[in-house]
């Protein structure tokens, strides 16, 4: 989780963190809670993978889920 938090803080994107882990950083202003939205905005997301790299089982499951839930 620390790696995810650091990537978010470095501006590499947004991410999901358990509230109990994010709260101390949000209190300092390092992270910001995004409220749940109705009619959430959407954006095109491009998934890029390197076919030459072997994926762990967890990475493969995540990739398969993302592909299964994509609109294309």
N, C-alpha and C. Protein backbone atom coordinates (compact mmCIF):
# COMPACT_ATOMS: atom_id res chain seq x y z
N UNK A 1 0.81 -1.19 0.00
CA UNK A 1 0.00 0.00 0.00
C UNK A 1 0.86 1.26 0.00
N UNK A 2 2.01 1.20 0.63
CA UNK A 2 2.88 2.39 0.64
C UNK A 2 3.30 2.78 -0.76
N UNK A 3 3.53 1.77 -1.61
CA UNK A 3 3.95 2.06 -2.97
C UNK A 3 2.83 2.74 -3.74
N UNK A 4 1.60 2.28 -3.55
CA UNK A 4 0.45 2.89 -4.21
C UNK A 4 0.31 4.34 -3.75
N UNK A 5 0.39 4.56 -2.45
CA UNK A 5 0.28 5.92 -1.91
C UNK A 5 1.36 6.82 -2.48
N UNK A 6 2.59 6.33 -2.53
CA UNK A 6 3.68 7.15 -3.07
C UNK A 6 3.45 7.49 -4.54
N UNK A 7 2.95 6.54 -5.31
CA UNK A 7 2.69 6.83 -6.72
C UNK A 7 1.60 7.89 -6.87
N UNK A 8 0.57 7.80 -6.02
CA UNK A 8 -0.50 8.80 -6.05
C UNK A 8 0.07 10.17 -5.69
N UNK A 9 0.87 10.23 -4.64
CA UNK A 9 1.46 11.50 -4.20
C UNK A 9 2.39 12.08 -5.26
N UNK A 10 3.02 11.23 -6.05
CA UNK A 10 3.93 11.71 -7.10
C UNK A 10 3.18 12.15 -8.36
N UNK A 11 1.87 12.00 -8.35
CA UNK A 11 1.08 12.45 -9.48
C UNK A 11 0.96 11.44 -10.61
N UNK A 12 1.19 10.17 -10.32
CA UNK A 12 1.11 9.16 -11.38
C UNK A 12 -0.32 8.72 -11.66
N UNK A 13 -1.27 9.23 -10.90
CA UNK A 13 -2.66 8.87 -11.14
C UNK A 13 -3.45 8.91 -9.85
N UNK A 14 -4.62 8.29 -9.90
CA UNK A 14 -5.46 8.17 -8.72
C UNK A 14 -5.45 6.71 -8.31
N UNK A 15 -5.86 6.44 -7.10
CA UNK A 15 -5.88 5.06 -6.66
C UNK A 15 -6.81 4.88 -5.48
N UNK A 16 -7.03 3.66 -5.15
CA UNK A 16 -7.89 3.30 -4.03
C UNK A 16 -7.02 2.87 -2.86
N UNK A 17 -7.28 3.48 -1.73
CA UNK A 17 -6.59 3.11 -0.50
C UNK A 17 -7.64 2.89 0.59
N UNK A 18 -7.39 1.97 1.51
CA UNK A 18 -8.30 1.84 2.64
C UNK A 18 -8.34 3.16 3.41
N UNK A 19 -9.52 3.53 3.85
CA UNK A 19 -9.70 4.82 4.53
C UNK A 19 -8.76 4.95 5.72
N UNK A 20 -8.60 3.89 6.49
CA UNK A 20 -7.75 4.00 7.69
C UNK A 20 -6.29 4.26 7.34
N UNK A 21 -5.86 3.89 6.15
CA UNK A 21 -4.50 4.18 5.73
C UNK A 21 -4.38 5.56 5.09
N UNK A 22 -5.43 6.00 4.42
CA UNK A 22 -5.40 7.29 3.73
C UNK A 22 -5.65 8.47 4.65
N UNK A 23 -6.42 8.27 5.71
CA UNK A 23 -6.83 9.38 6.59
C UNK A 23 -5.67 10.23 7.12
N UNK A 24 -4.59 9.65 7.62
CA UNK A 24 -3.50 10.50 8.12
C UNK A 24 -2.91 11.40 7.04
N UNK A 25 -2.81 10.90 5.84
CA UNK A 25 -2.25 11.69 4.73
C UNK A 25 -3.26 12.74 4.26
N UNK A 26 -4.54 12.39 4.30
CA UNK A 26 -5.57 13.37 3.94
C UNK A 26 -5.62 14.49 4.97
N UNK A 27 -5.42 14.17 6.25
CA UNK A 27 -5.43 15.19 7.30
C UNK A 27 -4.30 16.19 7.10
N UNK A 28 -3.17 15.74 6.55
CA UNK A 28 -2.04 16.64 6.29
C UNK A 28 -2.17 17.35 4.95
N UNK A 29 -3.16 16.97 4.14
CA UNK A 29 -3.34 17.59 2.84
C UNK A 29 -2.53 16.95 1.74
N UNK A 30 -1.92 15.80 2.03
CA UNK A 30 -1.12 15.10 1.01
C UNK A 30 -1.99 14.30 0.05
N UNK A 31 -3.12 13.82 0.53
CA UNK A 31 -4.08 13.08 -0.29
C UNK A 31 -5.45 13.71 -0.12
N UNK A 32 -6.31 13.47 -1.07
CA UNK A 32 -7.67 14.02 -1.01
C UNK A 32 -8.67 12.92 -1.25
N UNK A 33 -9.68 12.88 -0.39
CA UNK A 33 -10.78 11.93 -0.58
C UNK A 33 -11.64 12.41 -1.74
N UNK A 34 -11.99 11.50 -2.60
CA UNK A 34 -12.94 11.80 -3.67
C UNK A 34 -14.29 11.24 -3.23
N UNK A 35 -15.30 12.08 -3.22
CA UNK A 35 -16.60 11.58 -2.77
C UNK A 35 -17.20 10.61 -3.78
N UNK A 36 -18.09 9.75 -3.34
CA UNK A 36 -18.80 8.93 -4.31
C UNK A 36 -19.66 9.83 -5.18
N UNK A 37 -19.71 9.54 -6.43
CA UNK A 37 -20.48 10.33 -7.37
C UNK A 37 -21.63 9.52 -7.93
N UNK A 38 -22.70 10.20 -8.23
CA UNK A 38 -23.74 9.61 -9.06
C UNK A 38 -23.46 10.12 -10.46
N UNK A 39 -23.80 9.35 -11.44
CA UNK A 39 -23.50 9.72 -12.83
C UNK A 39 -22.01 10.07 -12.97
N UNK A 40 -21.19 9.14 -12.58
CA UNK A 40 -19.74 9.36 -12.57
C UNK A 40 -19.24 9.78 -13.94
N UNK A 41 -18.27 10.69 -13.96
CA UNK A 41 -17.67 11.05 -15.24
C UNK A 41 -16.89 9.86 -15.79
N UNK A 42 -16.74 9.82 -17.07
CA UNK A 42 -16.00 8.71 -17.66
C UNK A 42 -14.86 9.26 -18.51
N UNK A 43 -13.90 8.43 -18.72
CA UNK A 43 -12.76 8.80 -19.54
C UNK A 43 -12.26 7.54 -20.23
N UNK A 44 -11.64 7.73 -21.36
CA UNK A 44 -11.04 6.61 -22.06
C UNK A 44 -9.78 6.19 -21.31
N UNK A 45 -9.66 4.89 -21.09
CA UNK A 45 -8.49 4.34 -20.41
C UNK A 45 -7.81 3.39 -21.37
N UNK A 46 -6.52 3.54 -21.51
CA UNK A 46 -5.75 2.66 -22.36
C UNK A 46 -4.94 1.72 -21.48
N UNK A 47 -5.07 0.44 -21.73
CA UNK A 47 -4.33 -0.56 -20.98
C UNK A 47 -3.17 -1.02 -21.84
N UNK A 48 -1.97 -0.82 -21.34
CA UNK A 48 -0.77 -1.16 -22.09
C UNK A 48 0.00 -2.22 -21.31
N UNK A 49 0.33 -3.29 -21.97
CA UNK A 49 1.09 -4.36 -21.32
C UNK A 49 2.29 -4.73 -22.19
N UNK A 50 3.25 -5.33 -21.58
CA UNK A 50 4.43 -5.81 -22.28
C UNK A 50 4.33 -7.32 -22.40
N UNK A 51 4.09 -7.81 -23.58
CA UNK A 51 3.90 -9.25 -23.81
C UNK A 51 5.16 -10.06 -23.48
N UNK A 52 6.31 -9.41 -23.43
CA UNK A 52 7.56 -10.12 -23.16
C UNK A 52 7.78 -10.35 -21.66
N UNK A 53 6.96 -9.73 -20.82
CA UNK A 53 7.12 -9.85 -19.37
C UNK A 53 6.13 -10.87 -18.83
N UNK A 54 6.62 -11.81 -18.03
CA UNK A 54 5.74 -12.79 -17.40
C UNK A 54 5.00 -12.13 -16.25
N UNK A 55 3.70 -12.38 -16.18
CA UNK A 55 2.88 -11.80 -15.13
C UNK A 55 2.71 -12.79 -13.99
N UNK A 56 2.62 -12.25 -12.76
CA UNK A 56 2.29 -13.11 -11.63
C UNK A 56 0.83 -13.52 -11.75
N UNK A 57 0.42 -14.45 -10.95
CA UNK A 57 -0.98 -14.89 -10.99
C UNK A 57 -1.92 -13.73 -10.68
N UNK A 58 -1.57 -12.91 -9.68
CA UNK A 58 -2.40 -11.76 -9.31
C UNK A 58 -2.47 -10.76 -10.45
N UNK A 59 -1.35 -10.50 -11.11
CA UNK A 59 -1.33 -9.56 -12.24
C UNK A 59 -2.18 -10.08 -13.39
N UNK A 60 -2.09 -11.38 -13.64
CA UNK A 60 -2.87 -11.99 -14.72
C UNK A 60 -4.37 -11.89 -14.43
N UNK A 61 -4.77 -12.16 -13.18
CA UNK A 61 -6.18 -12.06 -12.81
C UNK A 61 -6.67 -10.62 -12.97
N UNK A 62 -5.87 -9.66 -12.52
CA UNK A 62 -6.24 -8.25 -12.66
C UNK A 62 -6.40 -7.89 -14.13
N UNK A 63 -5.46 -8.27 -14.96
CA UNK A 63 -5.52 -7.97 -16.38
C UNK A 63 -6.76 -8.60 -17.02
N UNK A 64 -7.03 -9.85 -16.69
CA UNK A 64 -8.21 -10.53 -17.24
C UNK A 64 -9.50 -9.83 -16.81
N UNK A 65 -9.58 -9.42 -15.54
CA UNK A 65 -10.77 -8.72 -15.05
C UNK A 65 -10.95 -7.38 -15.76
N UNK A 66 -9.86 -6.66 -15.95
CA UNK A 66 -9.94 -5.38 -16.63
C UNK A 66 -10.40 -5.57 -18.08
N UNK A 67 -9.89 -6.58 -18.73
CA UNK A 67 -10.29 -6.85 -20.11
C UNK A 67 -11.74 -7.31 -20.17
N UNK A 68 -12.14 -8.13 -19.21
CA UNK A 68 -13.52 -8.63 -19.18
C UNK A 68 -14.52 -7.52 -18.95
N UNK A 69 -14.14 -6.54 -18.14
CA UNK A 69 -15.04 -5.44 -17.81
C UNK A 69 -14.92 -4.23 -18.72
N UNK A 70 -14.08 -4.34 -19.74
CA UNK A 70 -13.94 -3.20 -20.66
C UNK A 70 -15.13 -3.14 -21.59
N UNK A 71 -15.34 -1.99 -22.18
CA UNK A 71 -16.45 -1.80 -23.09
C UNK A 71 -16.14 -2.22 -24.51
N UNK A 72 -14.91 -2.66 -24.75
CA UNK A 72 -14.55 -3.03 -26.12
C UNK A 72 -14.39 -4.52 -26.25
